[in-house]
Amino acid sequence: MGAVLFVSLLAAAAVLALLWGARALWARLTGRPVAPWTMRMDPRSGWSTVYRSTARWTAQAPAAQRGGDLSGVHDITDVVPREIR
């Protein structure tokens, strides 16, 4: 099982190397520079997504959950107060 896994990974790497070489050869034949294969990712974009989603959810929260107006809190009738021990 390990040998099959190793051979399959080796074959996948060989196919990628073949594609990369063909791409470099084509770029050389056409006279264009070879642009590297890069993963375009900005780590700051993840943080800004989290902060934007947090701001969206907290902006729509009721005022009572954010510590705002609690004037109607004395009108609650379905709770039985208990003695503090």
PDB file of N, CA and C in Angstrom:
ATOM      1  N   MET A   1       0.824  -1.187   0.000  1.00  0.00           N
ATOM      2  CA  MET A   1       0.000   0.000   0.000  1.00  0.00           C
ATOM      3  C   MET A   1       0.873   1.258   0.000  1.00  0.00           C
ATOM      4  N   GLY A   2       1.938   1.234   0.785  1.00  0.00           N
ATOM      5  CA  GLY A   2       2.840   2.380   0.830  1.00  0.00           C
ATOM      6  C   GLY A   2       3.545   2.604  -0.500  1.00  0.00           C
ATOM      7  N   ALA A   3       3.907   1.505  -1.166  1.00  0.00           N
ATOM      8  CA  ALA A   3       4.581   1.615  -2.465  1.00  0.00           C
ATOM      9  C   ALA A   3       3.634   2.203  -3.512  1.00  0.00           C
ATOM     10  N   VAL A   4       2.375   1.821  -3.453  1.00  0.00           N
ATOM     11  CA  VAL A   4       1.389   2.369  -4.394  1.00  0.00           C
ATOM     12  C   VAL A   4       1.226   3.863  -4.169  1.00  0.00           C
ATOM     13  N   LEU A   5       1.154   4.263  -2.918  1.00  0.00           N
ATOM     14  CA  LEU A   5       1.046   5.684  -2.597  1.00  0.00           C
ATOM     15  C   LEU A   5       2.269   6.449  -3.085  1.00  0.00           C
ATOM     16  N   PHE A   6       3.459   5.893  -2.846  1.00  0.00           N
ATOM     17  CA  PHE A   6       4.694   6.545  -3.265  1.00  0.00           C
ATOM     18  C   PHE A   6       4.757   6.683  -4.785  1.00  0.00           C
ATOM     19  N   VAL A   7       4.407   5.625  -5.492  1.00  0.00           N
ATOM     20  CA  VAL A   7       4.458   5.660  -6.957  1.00  0.00           C
ATOM     21  C   VAL A   7       3.423   6.651  -7.505  1.00  0.00           C
ATOM     22  N   SER A   8       2.244   6.710  -6.902  1.00  0.00           N
ATOM     23  CA  SER A   8       1.230   7.651  -7.383  1.00  0.00           C
ATOM     24  C   SER A   8       1.655   9.098  -7.133  1.00  0.00           C
ATOM     25  N   LEU A   9       2.262   9.375  -5.988  1.00  0.00           N
ATOM     26  CA  LEU A   9       2.768  10.729  -5.727  1.00  0.00           C
ATOM     27  C   LEU A   9       3.916  11.080  -6.668  1.00  0.00           C
ATOM     28  N   LEU A  10       4.758  10.097  -6.957  1.00  0.00           N
ATOM     29  CA  LEU A  10       5.855  10.309  -7.884  1.00  0.00           C
ATOM     30  C   LEU A  10       5.326  10.589  -9.292  1.00  0.00           C
ATOM     31  N   ALA A  11       4.286   9.885  -9.698  1.00  0.00           N
ATOM     32  CA  ALA A  11       3.679  10.106 -11.014  1.00  0.00           C
ATOM     33  C   ALA A  11       3.038  11.491 -11.085  1.00  0.00           C
ATOM     34  N   ALA A  12       2.368  11.901 -10.029  1.00  0.00           N
ATOM     35  CA  ALA A  12       1.749  13.233 -10.008  1.00  0.00           C
ATOM     36  C   ALA A  12       2.820  14.319 -10.094  1.00  0.00           C
ATOM     37  N   ALA A  13       3.926  14.138  -9.382  1.00  0.00           N
ATOM     38  CA  ALA A  13       5.019  15.113  -9.445  1.00  0.00           C
ATOM     39  C   ALA A  13       5.634  15.142 -10.840  1.00  0.00           C
ATOM     40  N   ALA A  14       5.746  13.976 -11.480  1.00  0.00           N
ATOM     41  CA  ALA A  14       6.302  13.928 -12.838  1.00  0.00           C
ATOM     42  C   ALA A  14       5.393  14.638 -13.832  1.00  0.00           C
ATOM     43  N   VAL A  15       4.088  14.477 -13.678  1.00  0.00           N
ATOM     44  CA  VAL A  15       3.147  15.159 -14.573  1.00  0.00           C
ATOM     45  C   VAL A  15       3.237  16.676 -14.377  1.00  0.00           C
ATOM     46  N   LEU A  16       3.303  17.122 -13.136  1.00  0.00           N
ATOM     47  CA  LEU A  16       3.450  18.561 -12.880  1.00  0.00           C
ATOM     48  C   LEU A  16       4.756  19.102 -13.440  1.00  0.00           C
ATOM     49  N   ALA A  17       5.844  18.349 -13.296  1.00  0.00           N
ATOM     50  CA  ALA A  17       7.127  18.781 -13.843  1.00  0.00           C
ATOM     51  C   ALA A  17       7.072  18.842 -15.361  1.00  0.00           C
ATOM     52  N   LEU A  18       6.398  17.886 -15.975  1.00  0.00           N
ATOM     53  CA  LEU A  18       6.252  17.883 -17.423  1.00  0.00           C
ATOM     54  C   LEU A  18       5.450  19.099 -17.898  1.00  0.00           C
ATOM     55  N   LEU A  19       4.361  19.400 -17.206  1.00  0.00           N
ATOM     56  CA  LEU A  19       3.559  20.576 -17.556  1.00  0.00           C
ATOM     57  C   LEU A  19       4.355  21.868 -17.382  1.00  0.00           C
ATOM     58  N   TRP A  20       5.113  21.942 -16.296  1.00  0.00           N
ATOM     59  CA  TRP A  20       5.899  23.131 -16.034  1.00  0.00           C
ATOM     60  C   TRP A  20       6.974  23.310 -17.106  1.00  0.00           C
ATOM     61  N   GLY A  21       7.615  22.223 -17.481  1.00  0.00           N
ATOM     62  CA  GLY A  21       8.632  22.287 -18.530  1.00  0.00           C
ATOM     63  C   GLY A  21       8.034  22.674 -19.875  1.00  0.00           C
ATOM     64  N   ALA A  22       6.865  22.112 -20.213  1.00  0.00           N
ATOM     65  CA  ALA A  22       6.212  22.458 -21.480  1.00  0.00           C
ATOM     66  C   ALA A  22       5.815  23.930 -21.486  1.00  0.00           C
ATOM     67  N   ARG A  23       5.375  24.418 -20.371  1.00  0.00           N
ATOM     68  CA  ARG A  23       4.989  25.838 -20.265  1.00  0.00           C
ATOM     69  C   ARG A  23       6.203  26.741 -20.439  1.00  0.00           C
ATOM     70  N   ALA A  24       7.321  26.376 -19.808  1.00  0.00           N
ATOM     71  CA  ALA A  24       8.547  27.169 -19.942  1.00  0.00           C
ATOM     72  C   ALA A  24       9.062  27.118 -21.375  1.00  0.00           C
ATOM     73  N   LEU A  25       8.999  25.953 -22.024  1.00  0.00           N
ATOM     74  CA  LEU A  25       9.429  25.827 -23.406  1.00  0.00           C
ATOM     75  C   LEU A  25       8.554  26.670 -24.336  1.00  0.00           C
ATOM     76  N   TRP A  26       7.250  26.650 -24.121  1.00  0.00           N
ATOM     77  CA  TRP A  26       6.336  27.446 -24.941  1.00  0.00           C
ATOM     78  C   TRP A  26       6.609  28.946 -24.756  1.00  0.00           C
ATOM     79  N   ALA A  27       6.879  29.358 -23.535  1.00  0.00           N
ATOM     80  CA  ALA A  27       7.180  30.769 -23.285  1.00  0.00           C
ATOM     81  C   ALA A  27       8.487  31.161 -23.974  1.00  0.00           C
ATOM     82  N   ARG A  28       9.464  30.271 -23.973  1.00  0.00           N
ATOM     83  CA  ARG A  28      10.731  30.573 -24.625  1.00  0.00           C
ATOM     84  C   ARG A  28      10.557  30.647 -26.143  1.00  0.00           C
ATOM     85  N   LEU A  29       9.739  29.758 -26.703  1.00  0.00           N
ATOM     86  CA  LEU A  29       9.517  29.763 -28.148  1.00  0.00           C
ATOM     87  C   LEU A  29       8.758  31.003 -28.607  1.00  0.00           C
ATOM     88  N   THR A  30       7.829  31.466 -27.794  1.00  0.00           N
ATOM     89  CA  THR A  30       7.042  32.641 -28.172  1.00  0.00           C
ATOM     90  C   THR A  30       7.696  33.952 -27.751  1.00  0.00           C
ATOM     91  N   GLY A  31       8.779  33.894 -26.983  1.00  0.00           N
ATOM     92  CA  GLY A  31       9.498  35.101 -26.592  1.00  0.00           C
ATOM     93  C   GLY A  31       8.910  35.820 -25.402  1.00  0.00           C
ATOM     94  N   ARG A  32       8.011  35.179 -24.699  1.00  0.00           N
ATOM     95  CA  ARG A  32       7.414  35.810 -23.515  1.00  0.00           C
ATOM     96  C   ARG A  32       8.135  35.343 -22.255  1.00  0.00           C
ATOM     97  N   PRO A  33       8.163  36.177 -21.225  1.00  0.00           N
ATOM     98  CA  PRO A  33       8.790  35.742 -19.971  1.00  0.00           C
ATOM     99  C   PRO A  33       7.918  34.706 -19.266  1.00  0.00           C
ATOM    100  N   VAL A  34       8.572  33.843 -18.532  1.00  0.00           N
ATOM    101  CA  VAL A  34       7.852  32.805 -17.802  1.00  0.00           C
ATOM    102  C   VAL A  34       7.460  33.373 -16.444  1.00  0.00           C
ATOM    103  N   ALA A  35       6.167  33.475 -16.214  1.00  0.00           N
ATOM    104  CA  ALA A  35       5.670  33.941 -14.915  1.00  0.00           C
ATOM    105  C   ALA A  35       5.596  32.734 -13.981  1.00  0.00           C
ATOM    106  N   PRO A  36       6.070  32.860 -12.777  1.00  0.00           N
ATOM    107  CA  PRO A  36       6.028  31.715 -11.863  1.00  0.00           C
ATOM    108  C   PRO A  36       4.599  31.397 -11.433  1.00  0.00           C
ATOM    109  N   TRP A  37       4.384  30.122 -11.125  1.00  0.00           N
ATOM    110  CA  TRP A  37       3.086  29.732 -10.582  1.00  0.00           C
ATOM    111  C   TRP A  37       3.091  30.085  -9.113  1.00  0.00           C
ATOM    112  N   THR A  38       2.285  31.045  -8.760  1.00  0.00           N
ATOM    113  CA  THR A  38       2.221  31.471  -7.365  1.00  0.00           C
ATOM    114  C   THR A  38       0.783  31.434  -6.893  1.00  0.00           C
ATOM    115  N   MET A  39       0.652  31.328  -5.608  1.00  0.00           N
ATOM    116  CA  MET A  39      -0.675  31.384  -5.019  1.00  0.00           C
ATOM    117  C   MET A  39      -0.883  32.814  -4.539  1.00  0.00           C
ATOM    118  N   ARG A  40      -1.773  33.507  -5.176  1.00  0.00           N
ATOM    119  CA  ARG A  40      -2.008  34.913  -4.831  1.00  0.00           C
ATOM    120  C   ARG A  40      -2.946  34.981  -3.633  1.00  0.00           C
ATOM    121  N   MET A  41      -2.356  35.160  -2.469  1.00  0.00           N
ATOM    122  CA  MET A  41      -3.145  35.208  -1.249  1.00  0.00           C
ATOM    123  C   MET A  41      -2.580  36.297  -0.354  1.00  0.00           C
ATOM    124  N   ASP A  42      -3.447  37.134   0.127  1.00  0.00           N
ATOM    125  CA  ASP A  42      -3.050  38.179   1.052  1.00  0.00           C
ATOM    126  C   ASP A  42      -3.562  37.801   2.436  1.00  0.00           C
ATOM    127  N   PRO A  43      -2.671  37.594   3.401  1.00  0.00           N
ATOM    128  CA  PRO A  43      -3.142  37.184   4.731  1.00  0.00           C
ATOM    129  C   PRO A  43      -4.043  38.223   5.392  1.00  0.00           C
ATOM    130  N   ARG A  44      -3.904  39.482   4.994  1.00  0.00           N
ATOM    131  CA  ARG A  44      -4.742  40.520   5.596  1.00  0.00           C
ATOM    132  C   ARG A  44      -6.200  40.399   5.173  1.00  0.00           C
ATOM    133  N   SER A  45      -6.445  39.782   4.020  1.00  0.00           N
ATOM    134  CA  SER A  45      -7.828  39.674   3.551  1.00  0.00           C
ATOM    135  C   SER A  45      -8.652  38.768   4.464  1.00  0.00           C
ATOM    136  N   GLY A  46      -8.046  37.746   5.030  1.00  0.00           N
ATOM    137  CA  GLY A  46      -8.767  36.879   5.959  1.00  0.00           C
ATOM    138  C   GLY A  46      -9.197  37.624   7.208  1.00  0.00           C
ATOM    139  N   TRP A  47      -8.290  38.439   7.747  1.00  0.00           N
ATOM    140  CA  TRP A  47      -8.628  39.195   8.949  1.00  0.00           C
ATOM    141  C   TRP A  47      -9.707  40.222   8.665  1.00  0.00           C
ATOM    142  N   SER A  48      -9.619  40.903   7.528  1.00  0.00           N
ATOM    143  CA  SER A  48     -10.631  41.917   7.237  1.00  0.00           C
ATOM    144  C   SER A  48     -11.996  41.267   7.028  1.00  0.00           C
ATOM    145  N   THR A  49     -12.025  40.048   6.470  1.00  0.00           N
ATOM    146  CA  THR A  49     -13.296  39.340   6.311  1.00  0.00           C
ATOM    147  C   THR A  49     -13.906  39.030   7.667  1.00  0.00           C
ATOM    148  N   VAL A  50     -13.081  38.593   8.611  1.00  0.00           N
ATOM    149  CA  VAL A  50     -13.585  38.279   9.954  1.00  0.00           C
ATOM    150  C   VAL A  50     -14.110  39.536  10.633  1.00  0.00           C
ATOM    151  N   TYR A  51     -13.364  40.624  10.541  1.00  0.00           N
ATOM    152  CA  TYR A  51     -13.804  41.853  11.197  1.00  0.00           C
ATOM    153  C   TYR A  51     -15.070  42.406  10.567  1.00  0.00           C
ATOM    154  N   ARG A  52     -15.193  42.320   9.245  1.00  0.00           N
ATOM    155  CA  ARG A  52     -16.415  42.802   8.601  1.00  0.00           C
ATOM    156  C   ARG A  52     -17.615  41.969   9.006  1.00  0.00           C
ATOM    157  N   SER A  53     -17.447  40.645   9.084  1.00  0.00           N
ATOM    158  CA  SER A  53     -18.585  39.807   9.460  1.00  0.00           C
ATOM    159  C   SER A  53     -18.959  40.038  10.920  1.00  0.00           C
ATOM    160  N   THR A  54     -17.977  40.256  11.782  1.00  0.00           N
ATOM    161  CA  THR A  54     -18.264  40.539  13.187  1.00  0.00           C
ATOM    162  C   THR A  54     -19.023  41.851  13.317  1.00  0.00           C
ATOM    163  N   ALA A  55     -18.606  42.856  12.584  1.00  0.00           N
ATOM    164  CA  ALA A  55     -19.291  44.147  12.653  1.00  0.00           C
ATOM    165  C   ALA A  55     -20.723  44.013  12.149  1.00  0.00           C
ATOM    166  N   ARG A  56     -20.928  43.197  11.129  1.00  0.00           N
ATOM    167  CA  ARG A  56     -22.275  43.029  10.588  1.00  0.00           C
ATOM    168  C   ARG A  56     -23.184  42.363  11.615  1.00  0.00           C
ATOM    169  N   TRP A  57     -22.703  41.336  12.303  1.00  0.00           N
ATOM    170  CA  TRP A  57     -23.564  40.623  13.250  1.00  0.00           C
ATOM    171  C   TRP A  57     -23.792  41.420  14.525  1.00  0.00           C
ATOM    172  N   THR A  58     -22.799  42.153  14.998  1.00  0.00           N
ATOM    173  CA  THR A  58     -23.000  42.919  16.228  1.00  0.00           C
ATOM    174  C   THR A  58     -23.829  44.167  15.975  1.00  0.00           C
ATOM    175  N   ALA A  59     -23.821  44.698  14.780  1.00  0.00           N
ATOM    176  CA  ALA A  59     -24.617  45.886  14.484  1.00  0.00           C
ATOM    177  C   ALA A  59     -26.104  45.565  14.478  1.00  0.00           C
ATOM    178  N   GLN A  60     -26.487  44.313  14.205  1.00  0.00           N
ATOM    179  CA  GLN A  60     -27.894  43.943  14.142  1.00  0.00           C
ATOM    180  C   GLN A  60     -28.397  43.316  15.440  1.00  0.00           C
ATOM    181  N   ALA A  61     -27.556  43.213  16.441  1.00  0.00           N
ATOM    182  CA  ALA A  61     -27.978  42.620  17.706  1.00  0.00           C
ATOM    183  C   ALA A  61     -28.932  43.572  18.424  1.00  0.00           C
ATOM    184  N   PRO A  62     -29.907  43.029  19.153  1.00  0.00           N
ATOM    185  CA  PRO A  62     -30.815  43.902  19.908  1.00  0.00           C
ATOM    186  C   PRO A  62     -30.059  44.722  20.946  1.00  0.00           C
ATOM    187  N   ALA A  63     -30.618  45.848  21.283  1.00  0.00           N
ATOM    188  CA  ALA A  63     -29.957  46.748  22.226  1.00  0.00           C
ATOM    189  C   ALA A  63     -29.811  46.118  23.604  1.00  0.00           C
ATOM    190  N   ALA A  64     -30.747  45.264  24.008  1.00  0.00           N
ATOM    191  CA  ALA A  64     -30.671  44.630  25.324  1.00  0.00           C
ATOM    192  C   ALA A  64     -29.480  43.691  25.414  1.00  0.00           C
ATOM    193  N   GLN A  65     -29.094  43.062  24.314  1.00  0.00           N
ATOM    194  CA  GLN A  65     -27.950  42.155  24.333  1.00  0.00           C
ATOM    195  C   GLN A  65     -26.643  42.919  24.382  1.00  0.00           C
ATOM    196  N   ARG A  66     -26.634  44.134  23.894  1.00  0.00           N
ATOM    197  CA  ARG A  66     -25.405  44.921  23.902  1.00  0.00           C
ATOM    198  C   ARG A  66     -25.289  45.787  25.147  1.00  0.00           C
ATOM    199  N   GLY A  67     -26.206  45.656  26.075  1.00  0.00           N
ATOM    200  CA  GLY A  67     -26.145  46.464  27.285  1.00  0.00           C
ATOM    201  C   GLY A  67     -26.795  47.815  27.104  1.00  0.00           C
ATOM    202  N   GLY A  68     -27.743  47.908  26.205  1.00  0.00           N
ATOM    203  CA  GLY A  68     -28.408  49.179  25.917  1.00  0.00           C
ATOM    204  C   GLY A  68     -29.601  49.388  26.829  1.00  0.00           C
ATOM    205  N   ASP A  69     -30.720  49.802  26.271  1.00  0.00           N
ATOM    206  CA  ASP A  69     -31.922  50.134  27.015  1.00  0.00           C
ATOM    207  C   ASP A  69     -32.564  48.880  27.609  1.00  0.00           C
ATOM    208  N   LEU A  70     -32.678  48.833  28.925  1.00  0.00           N
ATOM    209  CA  LEU A  70     -33.307  47.704  29.609  1.00  0.00           C
ATOM    210  C   LEU A  70     -34.546  48.159  30.364  1.00  0.00           C
ATOM    211  N   SER A  71     -35.294  49.122  29.823  1.00  0.00           N
ATOM    212  CA  SER A  71     -36.433  49.684  30.540  1.00  0.00           C
ATOM    213  C   SER A  71     -37.566  48.683  30.700  1.00  0.00           C
ATOM    214  N   GLY A  72     -37.733  47.709  29.788  1.00  0.00           N
ATOM    215  CA  GLY A  72     -38.827  46.750  29.888  1.00  0.00           C
ATOM    216  C   GLY A  72     -38.488  45.504  30.671  1.00  0.00           C
ATOM    217  N   VAL A  73     -37.382  45.493  31.385  1.00  0.00           N
ATOM    218  CA  VAL A  73     -36.964  44.287  32.089  1.00  0.00           C
ATOM    219  C   VAL A  73     -37.874  43.975  33.287  1.00  0.00           C
ATOM    220  N   HIS A  74     -38.579  44.935  33.825  1.00  0.00           N
ATOM    221  CA  HIS A  74     -39.451  44.697  34.973  1.00  0.00           C
ATOM    222  C   HIS A  74     -40.788  44.101  34.556  1.00  0.00           C
ATOM    223  N   ASP A  75     -41.088  44.057  33.282  1.00  0.00           N
ATOM    224  CA  ASP A  75     -42.351  43.515  32.793  1.00  0.00           C
ATOM    225  C   ASP A  75     -42.316  42.001  32.575  1.00  0.00           C
ATOM    226  N   ILE A  76     -41.228  41.332  32.916  1.00  0.00           N
ATOM    227  CA  ILE A  76     -41.107  39.889  32.693  1.00  0.00           C
ATOM    228  C   ILE A  76     -41.961  39.165  33.728  1.00  0.00           C
ATOM    229  N   THR A  77     -42.862  38.261  33.259  1.00  0.00           N
ATOM    230  CA  THR A  77     -43.795  37.596  34.177  1.00  0.00           C
ATOM    231  C   THR A  77     -43.602  36.087  34.219  1.00  0.00           C
ATOM    232  N   ASP A  78     -42.845  35.485  33.321  1.00  0.00           N
ATOM    233  CA  ASP A  78     -42.747  34.026  33.278  1.00  0.00           C
ATOM    234  C   ASP A  78     -41.538  33.488  34.030  1.00  0.00           C
ATOM    235  N   VAL A  79     -40.895  34.314  34.865  1.00  0.00           N
ATOM    236  CA  VAL A  79     -39.745  33.875  35.620  1.00  0.00           C
ATOM    237  C   VAL A  79     -40.058  34.018  37.107  1.00  0.00           C
ATOM    238  N   VAL A  80     -39.761  32.956  37.831  1.00  0.00           N
ATOM    239  CA  VAL A  80     -39.993  32.992  39.283  1.00  0.00           C
ATOM    240  C   VAL A  80     -38.655  33.294  39.952  1.00  0.00           C
ATOM    241  N   PRO A  81     -38.559  34.392  40.690  1.00  0.00           N
ATOM    242  CA  PRO A  81     -37.292  34.706  41.351  1.00  0.00           C
ATOM    243  C   PRO A  81     -37.015  33.732  42.485  1.00  0.00           C
ATOM    244  N   ARG A  82     -35.750  33.374  42.620  1.00  0.00           N
ATOM    245  CA  ARG A  82     -35.339  32.476  43.704  1.00  0.00           C
ATOM    246  C   ARG A  82     -34.453  33.221  44.685  1.00  0.00           C
ATOM    247  N   GLU A  83     -34.371  32.666  45.849  1.00  0.00           N
ATOM    248  CA  GLU A  83     -33.544  33.249  46.879  1.00  0.00           C
ATOM    249  C   GLU A  83     -32.077  32.943  46.623  1.00  0.00           C
ATOM    250  N   ILE A  84     -31.185  33.893  46.846  1.00  0.00           N
ATOM    251  CA  ILE A  84     -29.762  33.681  46.680  1.00  0.00           C
ATOM    252  C   ILE A  84     -29.225  33.000  47.920  1.00  0.00           C
ATOM    253  N   ARG A  85     -28.481  31.948  47.741  1.00  0.00           N
ATOM    254  CA  ARG A  85     -27.946  31.207  48.897  1.00  0.00           C
ATOM    255  C   ARG A  85     -26.651  31.773  49.363  1.00  0.00           C
TER     256      ARG A  85
END
